[in-house]
C-alpha atoms as a PDB file:
ATOM      1  CA  MET A   1       0.250  -0.199   0.050  1.00  0.00           C
ATOM      2  CA  LYS A   2       1.474   3.352  -0.830  1.00  0.00           C
ATOM      3  CA  ILE A   3       1.121   6.736   1.858  1.00  0.00           C
ATOM      4  CA  PRO A   4       0.031   9.504  -0.050  1.00  0.00           C
ATOM      5  CA  ALA A   5       2.298  12.338  -0.197  1.00  0.00           C
ATOM      6  CA  ASN A   6      -0.310  14.849   1.674  1.00  0.00           C
ATOM      7  CA  ALA A   7      -1.514  11.758   4.133  1.00  0.00           C
ATOM      8  CA  GLN A   8      -1.291  13.585   8.041  1.00  0.00           C
ATOM      9  CA  THR A   9      -0.010  11.252  11.341  1.00  0.00           C
ATOM     10  CA  LEU A  10      -1.160  11.998  14.451  1.00  0.00           C
ATOM     11  CA  PRO A  11       1.671  14.141  16.077  1.00  0.00           C
ATOM     12  CA  GLY A  12       4.371  12.292  17.749  1.00  0.00           C
ATOM     13  CA  THR A  13       3.689   9.328  15.309  1.00  0.00           C
ATOM     14  CA  GLN A  14       5.135   7.752  11.912  1.00  0.00           C
ATOM     15  CA  PRO A  15       3.308   7.071   9.125  1.00  0.00           C
ATOM     16  CA  GLY A  16       1.521   3.580   9.681  1.00  0.00           C
ATOM     17  CA  ILE A  17       1.325   0.989   6.826  1.00  0.00           C
ATOM     18  CA  ILE A  18      -2.252   1.286   7.277  1.00  0.00           C
ATOM     19  CA  GLN A  19      -3.703   4.804   7.594  1.00  0.00           C
ATOM     20  CA  MET A  20      -7.023   5.486   7.732  1.00  0.00           C
ATOM     21  CA  GLN A  21      -8.593   9.393   8.295  1.00  0.00           C
ATOM     22  CA  GLY A  22     -11.921  10.627   8.902  1.00  0.00           C
ATOM     23  CA  VAL A  23     -13.905   7.442   7.603  1.00  0.00           C
ATOM     24  CA  VAL A  24     -17.256   7.455   7.491  1.00  0.00           C
ATOM     25  CA  LYS A  25     -19.567   4.806   6.062  1.00  0.00           C
ATOM     26  CA  THR A  26     -22.989   4.942   5.615  1.00  0.00           C
ATOM     27  CA  TYR A  27     -25.709   2.583   4.342  1.00  0.00           C
ATOM     28  CA  THR A  28     -28.980   3.824   2.829  1.00  0.00           C
ATOM     29  CA  SER A  29     -32.142   1.549   2.977  1.00  0.00           C
ATOM     30  CA  SER A  30     -35.814   1.937   2.442  1.00  0.00           C
ATOM     31  CA  ALA A  31     -35.869   2.353   6.236  1.00  0.00           C
ATOM     32  CA  GLY A  32     -33.401   5.433   6.038  1.00  0.00           C
ATOM     33  CA  GLU A  33     -29.879   5.854   6.438  1.00  0.00           C
ATOM     34  CA  PHE A  34     -27.686   4.731   8.616  1.00  0.00           C
ATOM     35  CA  THR A  35     -24.290   5.808   9.794  1.00  0.00           C
ATOM     36  CA  ALA A  36     -22.001   2.438  10.564  1.00  0.00           C
ATOM     37  CA  LEU A  37     -18.481   4.595  10.962  1.00  0.00           C
ATOM     38  CA  ARG A  38     -17.907   8.012  11.832  1.00  0.00           C
ATOM     39  CA  GLY A  39     -15.124   9.986  11.940  1.00  0.00           C
ATOM     40  CA  ILE A  40     -12.549   6.911  12.401  1.00  0.00           C
ATOM     41  CA  ASP A  41      -8.995   7.605  12.663  1.00  0.00           C
ATOM     42  CA  LEU A  42      -6.420   4.741  12.014  1.00  0.00           C
ATOM     43  CA  ASN A  43      -2.512   4.552  12.150  1.00  0.00           C
ATOM     44  CA  LEU A  44      -0.777   1.023  12.268  1.00  0.00           C
ATOM     45  CA  GLN A  45       2.767   0.743  12.296  1.00  0.00           C
ATOM     46  CA  GLU A  46       4.418  -2.133  10.504  1.00  0.00           C
ATOM     47  CA  GLY A  47       4.928  -5.035  12.496  1.00  0.00           C
ATOM     48  CA  GLU A  48       1.812  -3.845  15.063  1.00  0.00           C
ATOM     49  CA  PHE A  49      -1.039  -5.626  16.107  1.00  0.00           C
ATOM     50  CA  ALA A  50      -4.667  -4.485  16.899  1.00  0.00           C
ATOM     51  CA  ALA A  51      -7.590  -5.782  17.914  1.00  0.00           C
ATOM     52  CA  VAL A  52     -10.866  -5.075  16.446  1.00  0.00           C
ATOM     53  CA  ILE A  53     -13.557  -5.553  19.275  1.00  0.00           C
ATOM     54  CA  GLY A  54     -17.027  -4.281  19.960  1.00  0.00           C
ATOM     55  CA  LYS A  55     -20.493  -5.348  20.613  1.00  0.00           C
ATOM     56  CA  SER A  56     -22.933  -6.664  17.856  1.00  0.00           C
ATOM     57  CA  GLY A  57     -23.894  -3.716  15.270  1.00  0.00           C
ATOM     58  CA  SER A  58     -21.153  -1.488  16.353  1.00  0.00           C
ATOM     59  CA  GLY A  59     -19.561  -1.408  12.729  1.00  0.00           C
ATOM     60  CA  LYS A  60     -16.123  -3.900  13.134  1.00  0.00           C
ATOM     61  CA  SER A  61     -16.710  -5.613   9.954  1.00  0.00           C
ATOM     62  CA  THR A  62     -17.851  -2.434   8.459  1.00  0.00           C
ATOM     63  CA  LEU A  63     -14.194  -0.802   9.294  1.00  0.00           C
ATOM     64  CA  LEU A  64     -12.547  -4.386   8.322  1.00  0.00           C
ATOM     65  CA  ASN A  65     -14.396  -4.381   5.196  1.00  0.00           C
ATOM     66  CA  MET A  66     -13.159  -0.743   4.634  1.00  0.00           C
ATOM     67  CA  LEU A  67      -9.558  -1.760   4.910  1.00  0.00           C
END
């Protein structure tokens, strides 16, 4: 994955091998709109381990699919 030249990182961190900034995902259905992710920031360094945890419907699978 190539990191864009204009990508920003959190203060005091190096650019990560995986970066997401301000990610929003909204689904639209006949029942209306549902925001699964709102303003997600993620910066993972090479060799770093991370876990995605949360209750059912909190957006875990949506986040992983966005990656």
